[in-house]
Amino acid sequence: MKERSLHTLLDGFQKRELQDLGHILGSDSSPRLRKDQLVSELEGYLYSQPGKWMSHLMERDVRLLRDLVHAGPGKVHYLDYADYPSLLEASGLVEFDDSDENWHKVWISRELYDIVAPEVDKVMSSCEKSGRYELERIALGYLNLYGVIPTEKFIDLMMDWYESVHGSDFEPLSAMLRQSALVKMYRYEDSLGDYICSPCVENPEEIFEWRERSGMKRFRNFSYQAVMEAGKGAPYFTVGMKTPEGMRLEAMYKRMGLDGFDLIKAEHDTWMEAQYTCDVNDALFQPLQDSPRGSSVDEQSWKACCQIVGDYANSVPKWMLCGYSSSEKDLYKVDFHPESDQVDFSKEDVYKFGIGIPHVPPYAPCPCGSGFAYRNCHGKYLS
């Protein structure tokens, strides 16, 4: 496997991209530097201060680095195609191969291995002890529950949580938020204001449009426990799994033969599809269809399983409703009637993937309306 040197990788970026990468990793450079100077400065920073720049990474990235280091240089690590890439993958700091449509192959070069191996375990331990990762999970929890939130509101929520746990000395919180890659990477600004988005949100404008239609302006309140649950497990977040509807969904998926990572991925995908579902949507039921028993249950059991999925989708906090559920607001509900002729839940009728759909580029929006890129939605199931 051919690997690029760190210098070659950095030299391939535009000047603005180098400045952005340096900013995220805690090495702000003068905008007056020439590109070749930026390359040399950032390369030197990565070599000389691995503990510092790794402490600026999100928890998911550090865990990936740790796993790759423990596997060894050049050893392939197989990842599923997540809804959004890690910074390490997006920047190319770790090597990857996307030629396999089923698996994302990632490995660490010998050069980067030698830089991070002595420090990565210490960074992980230090960030955990300092509370940085706890803060990140709370921040991700709020973002996953609301989808998009004004930056001012986000900071107020973080201050309220921090005061309840650590007291009113906000300087450590301020320092961690200034350093946070999450805040740096997922800020969104338009003519109407300054926002922070969940990493899972692909189109903030769409969420604003739905909120405008529904008249939603007030954000729902959540317990800190619910927020923490919503922010754990990056990148495969699950929301509302400890509610009655969530527990029924998990129990049903287990009966359908899902466990381990497959269960986590099915729950995550169902939550994501529920965000964009305003009627019966075949993508919402895809995890059920793909389950080991999805093609073998009788029609009555199938309808019951679909009802459980729909009940969960209606109960889960929705981005378009500022964290309220469809059931709470009686808006954008998955509304189906198994006993009528309006919707037929037979598998043959509900799941006609690809029929009548023209060729779609891999990174174009999926025609099903899920909001995902085609390659990460129905494109995964078609040759």
Protein backbone atom coordinates (compact mmCIF):
# COMPACT_ATOMS: atom_id res chain seq x y z
CA MET A 1 0.00 0.00 0.00
CA LYS A 2 1.54 3.25 -1.15
CA GLU A 3 1.68 5.93 1.53
CA ARG A 4 2.18 9.66 1.18
CA SER A 5 4.71 11.44 3.34
CA LEU A 6 3.34 13.97 5.80
CA HIS A 7 5.03 16.77 3.88
CA THR A 8 3.47 15.65 0.58
CA LEU A 9 0.04 15.42 2.21
CA LEU A 10 0.22 18.93 3.67
CA ASP A 11 1.63 20.36 0.46
CA GLY A 12 -1.45 19.09 -1.36
CA PHE A 13 -3.74 21.44 0.60
CA GLN A 14 -4.65 24.95 -0.43
CA LYS A 15 -3.35 27.71 1.84
CA ARG A 16 -6.77 28.34 3.37
CA GLU A 17 -7.20 24.62 4.08
CA LEU A 18 -3.83 24.52 5.83
CA GLN A 19 -4.85 27.46 8.00
CA ASP A 20 -8.15 25.77 8.88
CA LEU A 21 -6.43 22.48 9.74
CA GLY A 22 -3.87 24.27 11.88
CA HIS A 23 -6.65 26.19 13.66
CA ILE A 24 -8.52 22.98 14.50
CA LEU A 25 -5.34 21.31 15.77
CA GLY A 26 -4.34 24.28 17.92
CA SER A 27 -1.57 25.72 15.75
CA ASP A 28 -2.84 29.08 14.57
CA SER A 29 -0.45 30.57 12.06
CA SER A 30 -0.02 34.07 10.73
CA PRO A 31 -2.07 34.63 7.55
CA ARG A 32 0.95 36.45 6.15
CA LEU A 33 2.96 33.25 5.80
CA ARG A 34 3.45 31.83 2.33
CA LYS A 35 1.98 28.41 1.67
CA ASP A 36 5.38 26.68 1.75
CA GLN A 37 6.03 28.31 5.13
CA LEU A 38 2.67 27.10 6.41
CA VAL A 39 3.49 23.55 5.28
CA SER A 40 6.82 23.58 7.09
CA GLU A 41 5.35 25.16 10.21
CA LEU A 42 2.43 22.71 10.47
CA GLU A 43 4.67 19.72 9.72
CA GLY A 44 7.03 20.80 12.48
CA TYR A 45 4.12 21.25 14.88
CA LEU A 46 2.76 17.76 14.16
CA TYR A 47 6.21 16.27 14.78
CA SER A 48 7.16 18.27 17.85
CA GLN A 49 3.89 18.51 19.82
CA PRO A 50 1.80 15.37 19.21
CA GLY A 51 0.34 15.48 22.71
CA LYS A 52 -0.95 19.02 22.17
CA TRP A 53 -2.54 18.56 18.73
CA MET A 54 -4.08 15.20 19.65
CA SER A 55 -5.70 16.82 22.68
CA HIS A 56 -7.50 19.14 20.24
CA LEU A 57 -9.06 16.21 18.39
CA MET A 58 -12.54 14.92 19.11
CA GLU A 59 -12.76 11.76 21.17
CA ARG A 60 -13.70 9.67 18.15
CA ASP A 61 -10.50 10.66 16.32
CA VAL A 62 -8.25 9.90 19.29
CA ARG A 63 -9.91 6.51 19.77
CA LEU A 64 -9.35 5.75 16.08
CA LEU A 65 -5.69 6.78 16.37
CA ARG A 66 -5.30 4.59 19.44
CA ASP A 67 -6.85 1.59 17.68
CA LEU A 68 -4.60 2.08 14.64
CA VAL A 69 -1.51 2.42 16.82
CA HIS A 70 -2.37 -0.72 18.76
CA ALA A 71 -2.88 -2.59 15.48
CA GLY A 72 0.48 -1.40 14.17
CA PRO A 73 1.70 0.65 11.19
CA GLY A 74 0.27 -0.45 7.86
CA LYS A 75 -2.30 -2.79 9.44
CA VAL A 76 -5.72 -2.29 7.85
CA HIS A 77 -8.62 -1.39 10.14
CA TYR A 78 -12.08 -1.98 8.62
CA LEU A 79 -14.74 0.66 9.25
CA ASP A 80 -18.33 0.95 8.11
CA TYR A 81 -19.22 4.02 6.06
CA ALA A 82 -20.41 6.36 8.79
CA ASP A 83 -22.71 9.35 8.19
CA TYR A 84 -19.74 11.70 8.47
CA PRO A 85 -15.97 11.08 8.37
CA SER A 86 -13.56 11.65 11.20
CA LEU A 87 -11.17 14.59 10.90
CA LEU A 88 -8.30 12.13 10.50
CA GLU A 89 -9.97 10.56 7.48
CA ALA A 90 -11.23 13.83 5.97
CA SER A 91 -7.78 15.44 6.22
CA GLY A 92 -5.93 12.36 5.02
CA LEU A 93 -3.72 12.24 8.12
CA VAL A 94 -4.53 8.54 8.26
CA GLU A 95 -4.36 6.43 5.10
CA PHE A 96 -7.58 5.02 3.69
CA ASP A 97 -8.98 3.05 0.77
CA ASP A 98 -12.60 3.43 -0.40
CA SER A 99 -12.45 0.99 -3.32
CA ASP A 100 -14.63 -1.52 -1.43
CA GLU A 101 -18.26 -0.34 -1.36
CA ASN A 102 -18.91 -2.27 1.85
CA TRP A 103 -15.91 -1.33 3.98
CA HIS A 104 -13.83 1.76 4.53
CA LYS A 105 -10.23 0.56 4.97
CA VAL A 106 -8.06 2.73 7.23
CA TRP A 107 -4.48 2.37 8.44
CA ILE A 108 -1.71 4.47 9.93
CA SER A 109 1.53 5.18 8.12
CA ARG A 110 4.85 4.38 9.74
CA GLU A 111 5.66 8.11 9.82
CA LEU A 112 2.52 9.10 11.74
CA TYR A 113 2.76 5.98 13.91
CA ASP A 114 6.20 7.04 15.12
CA ILE A 115 4.84 10.51 15.95
CA VAL A 116 1.72 9.54 17.91
CA ALA A 117 2.45 6.09 19.37
CA PRO A 118 4.32 7.36 22.47
CA GLU A 119 1.56 9.86 23.34
CA VAL A 120 -1.85 8.60 22.23
CA ASP A 121 -2.71 6.56 25.35
CA LYS A 122 -1.63 9.43 27.62
CA VAL A 123 -3.77 11.90 25.65
CA MET A 124 -6.80 9.64 25.90
CA SER A 125 -6.36 9.25 29.66
CA SER A 126 -5.68 12.95 30.23
CA CYS A 127 -8.72 14.15 28.28
CA GLU A 128 -10.94 11.66 30.07
CA LYS A 129 -9.69 12.73 33.51
CA SER A 130 -9.92 16.45 32.74
CA GLY A 131 -13.58 16.16 31.76
CA ARG A 132 -12.96 17.24 28.18
CA TYR A 133 -14.61 14.17 26.69
CA GLU A 134 -17.51 14.44 29.13
CA LEU A 135 -18.04 18.00 27.96
CA GLU A 136 -17.86 16.86 24.34
CA ARG A 137 -20.51 14.19 24.90
CA ILE A 138 -22.84 16.72 26.52
CA ALA A 139 -22.26 19.13 23.64
CA LEU A 140 -22.91 16.41 21.08
CA GLY A 141 -26.01 15.39 23.01
CA TYR A 142 -27.56 18.83 22.73
CA LEU A 143 -26.64 19.05 19.06
CA ASN A 144 -28.06 15.61 18.28
CA LEU A 145 -31.30 16.44 20.08
CA TYR A 146 -31.77 19.82 18.40
CA GLY A 147 -29.90 19.34 15.12
CA VAL A 148 -29.12 23.04 14.73
CA ILE A 149 -29.01 25.53 17.58
CA PRO A 150 -27.97 29.20 17.86
CA THR A 151 -24.45 29.45 19.23
CA GLU A 152 -25.59 31.75 22.04
CA LYS A 153 -28.24 29.23 23.11
CA PHE A 154 -25.69 26.40 22.91
CA ILE A 155 -23.26 28.24 25.19
CA ASP A 156 -26.04 29.00 27.69
CA LEU A 157 -26.98 25.32 27.83
CA MET A 158 -23.35 24.30 28.31
CA MET A 159 -22.92 26.83 31.11
CA ASP A 160 -26.06 25.60 32.87
CA TRP A 161 -24.82 22.01 32.70
CA TYR A 162 -21.29 22.94 33.79
CA GLU A 163 -22.52 24.95 36.77
CA SER A 164 -24.72 22.06 37.91
CA VAL A 165 -21.74 19.68 37.91
CA HIS A 166 -18.62 21.78 38.50
CA GLY A 167 -19.75 25.09 40.02
CA SER A 168 -19.65 28.65 38.69
CA ASP A 169 -15.96 28.97 37.76
CA PHE A 170 -16.49 29.00 33.98
CA GLU A 171 -12.89 29.57 32.91
CA PRO A 172 -12.14 25.83 32.39
CA LEU A 173 -15.35 25.53 30.37
CA SER A 174 -14.45 28.55 28.27
CA ALA A 175 -10.98 27.17 27.60
CA MET A 176 -12.30 23.75 26.57
CA LEU A 177 -14.94 25.25 24.26
CA ARG A 178 -12.33 27.49 22.61
CA GLN A 179 -10.16 24.42 22.05
CA SER A 180 -12.97 22.10 20.99
CA ALA A 181 -12.72 20.73 17.46
CA LEU A 182 -16.49 20.18 17.63
CA VAL A 183 -17.17 23.91 17.98
CA LYS A 184 -14.56 24.82 15.37
CA MET A 185 -15.74 22.32 12.76
CA TYR A 186 -19.52 22.53 13.08
CA ARG A 187 -20.15 26.27 13.30
CA TYR A 188 -22.61 27.50 10.70
CA GLU A 189 -23.25 31.12 9.84
CA ASP A 190 -25.77 32.74 7.53
CA SER A 191 -27.49 36.10 7.22
CA LEU A 192 -29.83 35.20 10.08
CA GLY A 193 -27.27 34.22 12.69
CA ASP A 194 -24.49 32.05 14.08
CA TYR A 195 -25.28 28.39 14.77
CA ILE A 196 -23.72 25.08 15.74
CA CYS A 197 -24.89 21.87 14.06
CA SER A 198 -24.86 18.20 14.89
CA PRO A 199 -22.19 16.41 12.83
CA CYS A 200 -25.03 14.28 11.44
CA VAL A 201 -26.81 17.30 9.91
CA GLU A 202 -26.11 17.66 6.20
CA ASN A 203 -28.43 20.54 5.33
CA PRO A 204 -29.17 23.14 8.04
CA GLU A 205 -31.26 25.21 5.62
CA GLU A 206 -33.71 22.32 5.27
CA ILE A 207 -34.19 22.21 9.04
CA PHE A 208 -34.79 25.96 9.14
CA GLU A 209 -37.42 25.59 6.39
CA TRP A 210 -39.29 22.89 8.32
CA ARG A 211 -39.20 24.97 11.50
CA GLU A 212 -40.57 27.95 9.60
CA ARG A 213 -43.45 25.87 8.27
CA SER A 214 -44.32 24.51 11.70
CA GLY A 215 -43.80 27.81 13.53
CA MET A 216 -41.32 26.19 15.93
CA LYS A 217 -39.11 28.65 17.80
CA ARG A 218 -38.89 27.35 21.39
CA PHE A 219 -36.44 24.54 22.19
CA ARG A 220 -37.61 21.62 24.29
CA ASN A 221 -35.91 21.05 27.65
CA PHE A 222 -34.10 17.76 28.36
CA SER A 223 -32.62 16.15 31.44
CA TYR A 224 -28.84 16.00 31.58
CA GLN A 225 -29.06 12.22 31.57
CA ALA A 226 -30.99 12.29 28.28
CA VAL A 227 -28.48 14.74 26.84
CA MET A 228 -25.53 12.57 27.82
CA GLU A 229 -27.17 9.49 26.30
CA ALA A 230 -27.73 11.37 23.03
CA GLY A 231 -24.06 12.38 22.83
CA LYS A 232 -22.41 8.99 23.41
CA GLY A 233 -21.20 6.51 20.83
CA ALA A 234 -19.88 8.73 18.02
CA PRO A 235 -20.36 8.36 15.13
CA TYR A 236 -23.24 5.90 15.68
CA PHE A 237 -25.43 7.98 17.97
CA THR A 238 -28.77 6.70 19.20
CA VAL A 239 -31.44 8.88 20.78
CA GLY A 240 -34.43 7.90 22.88
CA MET A 241 -33.45 4.27 23.40
CA LYS A 242 -34.34 4.39 27.12
CA THR A 243 -37.90 5.51 26.44
CA PRO A 244 -40.68 2.87 26.23
CA GLU A 245 -40.71 3.24 22.42
CA GLY A 246 -36.92 2.95 22.24
CA MET A 247 -36.83 -0.13 24.45
CA ARG A 248 -39.54 -1.78 22.36
CA LEU A 249 -37.57 -0.96 19.20
CA GLU A 250 -34.39 -2.52 20.60
CA ALA A 251 -36.22 -5.62 21.85
CA MET A 252 -37.86 -6.05 18.44
CA TYR A 253 -34.54 -5.69 16.58
CA LYS A 254 -33.01 -8.32 18.86
CA ARG A 255 -35.90 -10.69 18.11
CA MET A 256 -35.23 -10.05 14.43
CA GLY A 257 -31.69 -11.36 14.93
CA LEU A 258 -29.66 -8.17 15.30
CA ASP A 259 -26.92 -7.86 17.92
CA GLY A 260 -23.56 -6.22 18.55
CA PHE A 261 -22.52 -3.57 16.05
CA ASP A 262 -25.35 -4.50 13.68
CA LEU A 263 -27.86 -3.64 16.42
CA ILE A 264 -26.13 -0.32 17.17
CA LYS A 265 -26.06 0.58 13.47
CA ALA A 266 -29.72 -0.36 12.99
CA GLU A 267 -30.78 1.83 15.93
CA HIS A 268 -28.63 4.71 14.69
CA ASP A 269 -29.97 4.48 11.14
CA THR A 270 -33.56 4.37 12.41
CA TRP A 271 -32.98 7.51 14.48
CA MET A 272 -31.44 9.29 11.50
CA GLU A 273 -34.26 8.34 9.14
CA ALA A 274 -36.82 9.42 11.74
CA GLN A 275 -35.42 12.96 11.50
CA TYR A 276 -36.47 13.26 7.88
CA THR A 277 -39.58 11.10 7.86
CA CYS A 278 -42.91 12.88 7.57
CA ASP A 279 -44.85 9.99 6.09
CA VAL A 280 -44.29 6.33 5.28
CA ASN A 281 -40.71 6.20 4.01
CA ASP A 282 -39.11 2.95 2.89
CA ALA A 283 -35.69 4.05 4.17
CA LEU A 284 -37.09 4.21 7.72
CA PHE A 285 -37.78 0.48 7.57
CA GLN A 286 -34.51 -0.50 5.84
CA PRO A 287 -32.79 -1.74 9.05
CA LEU A 288 -35.80 -3.97 9.67
CA GLN A 289 -35.71 -5.28 6.11
CA ASP A 290 -31.96 -5.98 6.40
CA SER A 291 -32.25 -7.86 9.69
CA PRO A 292 -31.51 -11.62 9.64
CA ARG A 293 -35.21 -12.45 9.99
CA GLY A 294 -36.47 -9.53 7.89
CA SER A 295 -37.42 -11.65 4.91
CA SER A 296 -38.90 -14.62 6.78
CA VAL A 297 -41.55 -13.31 9.19
CA ASP A 298 -45.25 -13.59 8.41
CA GLU A 299 -47.26 -10.57 7.32
CA GLN A 300 -48.94 -10.01 10.69
CA SER A 301 -45.59 -10.00 12.53
CA TRP A 302 -44.14 -7.73 9.86
CA LYS A 303 -46.90 -5.17 10.36
CA ALA A 304 -46.35 -5.29 14.12
CA CYS A 305 -42.62 -4.66 13.65
CA CYS A 306 -43.35 -1.74 11.32
CA GLN A 307 -45.71 -0.29 13.91
CA ILE A 308 -42.92 -0.40 16.52
CA VAL A 309 -40.56 1.43 14.13
CA GLY A 310 -43.23 4.03 13.40
CA ASP A 311 -44.02 4.54 17.09
CA TYR A 312 -40.34 5.14 17.78
CA ALA A 313 -40.05 7.60 14.87
CA ASN A 314 -43.02 9.56 16.23
CA SER A 315 -41.63 9.63 19.78
CA VAL A 316 -38.04 10.63 19.07
CA PRO A 317 -36.94 14.30 19.39
CA LYS A 318 -36.89 15.84 15.91
CA TRP A 319 -34.56 18.53 14.61
CA MET A 320 -37.32 20.15 12.59
CA LEU A 321 -39.35 20.54 15.81
CA CYS A 322 -36.55 21.98 17.99
CA GLY A 323 -36.28 18.75 19.96
CA TYR A 324 -39.99 18.05 20.36
CA SER A 325 -41.36 14.80 19.00
CA SER A 326 -43.98 14.40 16.31
CA SER A 327 -46.31 12.91 18.90
CA GLU A 328 -45.90 15.88 21.23
CA LYS A 329 -46.68 18.43 18.50
CA ASP A 330 -48.86 16.24 16.28
CA LEU A 331 -46.69 17.28 13.32
CA TYR A 332 -44.66 15.37 10.72
CA LYS A 333 -45.85 12.01 12.00
CA VAL A 334 -45.28 8.64 10.41
CA ASP A 335 -48.96 8.02 9.76
CA PHE A 336 -49.89 4.59 8.49
CA HIS A 337 -53.00 2.47 8.78
CA PRO A 338 -52.22 -1.26 8.56
CA GLU A 339 -55.90 -2.26 8.54
CA SER A 340 -56.86 0.00 5.61
CA ASP A 341 -56.05 -0.08 1.93
CA GLN A 342 -54.11 3.20 2.14
CA VAL A 343 -50.78 1.52 2.86
CA ASP A 344 -49.87 -2.09 2.23
CA PHE A 345 -47.07 -3.27 4.47
CA SER A 346 -46.30 -6.41 2.52
CA LYS A 347 -42.56 -6.46 1.89
CA GLU A 348 -43.05 -6.81 -1.83
CA ASP A 349 -44.95 -3.51 -1.99
CA VAL A 350 -42.95 -1.41 0.44
CA TYR A 351 -39.39 -2.20 -0.62
CA LYS A 352 -38.93 -1.65 -4.41
CA PHE A 353 -35.40 -0.27 -4.27
CA GLY A 354 -34.05 1.31 -7.43
CA ILE A 355 -37.14 0.80 -9.59
CA GLY A 356 -37.74 3.90 -11.68
CA ILE A 357 -34.72 5.71 -10.20
CA PRO A 358 -32.26 7.10 -12.77
CA HIS A 359 -28.49 6.91 -12.39
CA VAL A 360 -27.41 8.92 -9.35
CA PRO A 361 -23.81 10.03 -8.63
CA PRO A 362 -22.50 8.53 -5.35
CA TYR A 363 -22.28 11.83 -3.47
CA ALA A 364 -25.57 13.30 -4.78
CA PRO A 365 -28.60 13.38 -2.45
CA CYS A 366 -30.49 10.09 -2.46
CA PRO A 367 -33.75 10.30 -4.48
CA CYS A 368 -35.67 8.74 -1.57
CA GLY A 369 -35.52 12.10 0.23
CA SER A 370 -33.66 10.85 3.30
CA GLY A 371 -31.14 13.68 3.16
CA PHE A 372 -28.20 11.25 2.95
CA ALA A 373 -25.77 10.94 0.08
CA TYR A 374 -26.81 8.22 -2.38
CA ARG A 375 -23.73 6.09 -1.58
CA ASN A 376 -24.68 6.03 2.10
CA CYS A 377 -28.38 5.37 1.50
CA HIS A 378 -30.07 3.31 -1.22
CA GLY A 379 -26.88 3.24 -3.28
CA LYS A 380 -25.47 0.78 -0.74
CA TYR A 381 -28.03 -1.80 -1.74
CA LEU A 382 -27.75 -1.60 -5.53
CA SER A 383 -25.04 -2.92 -7.79
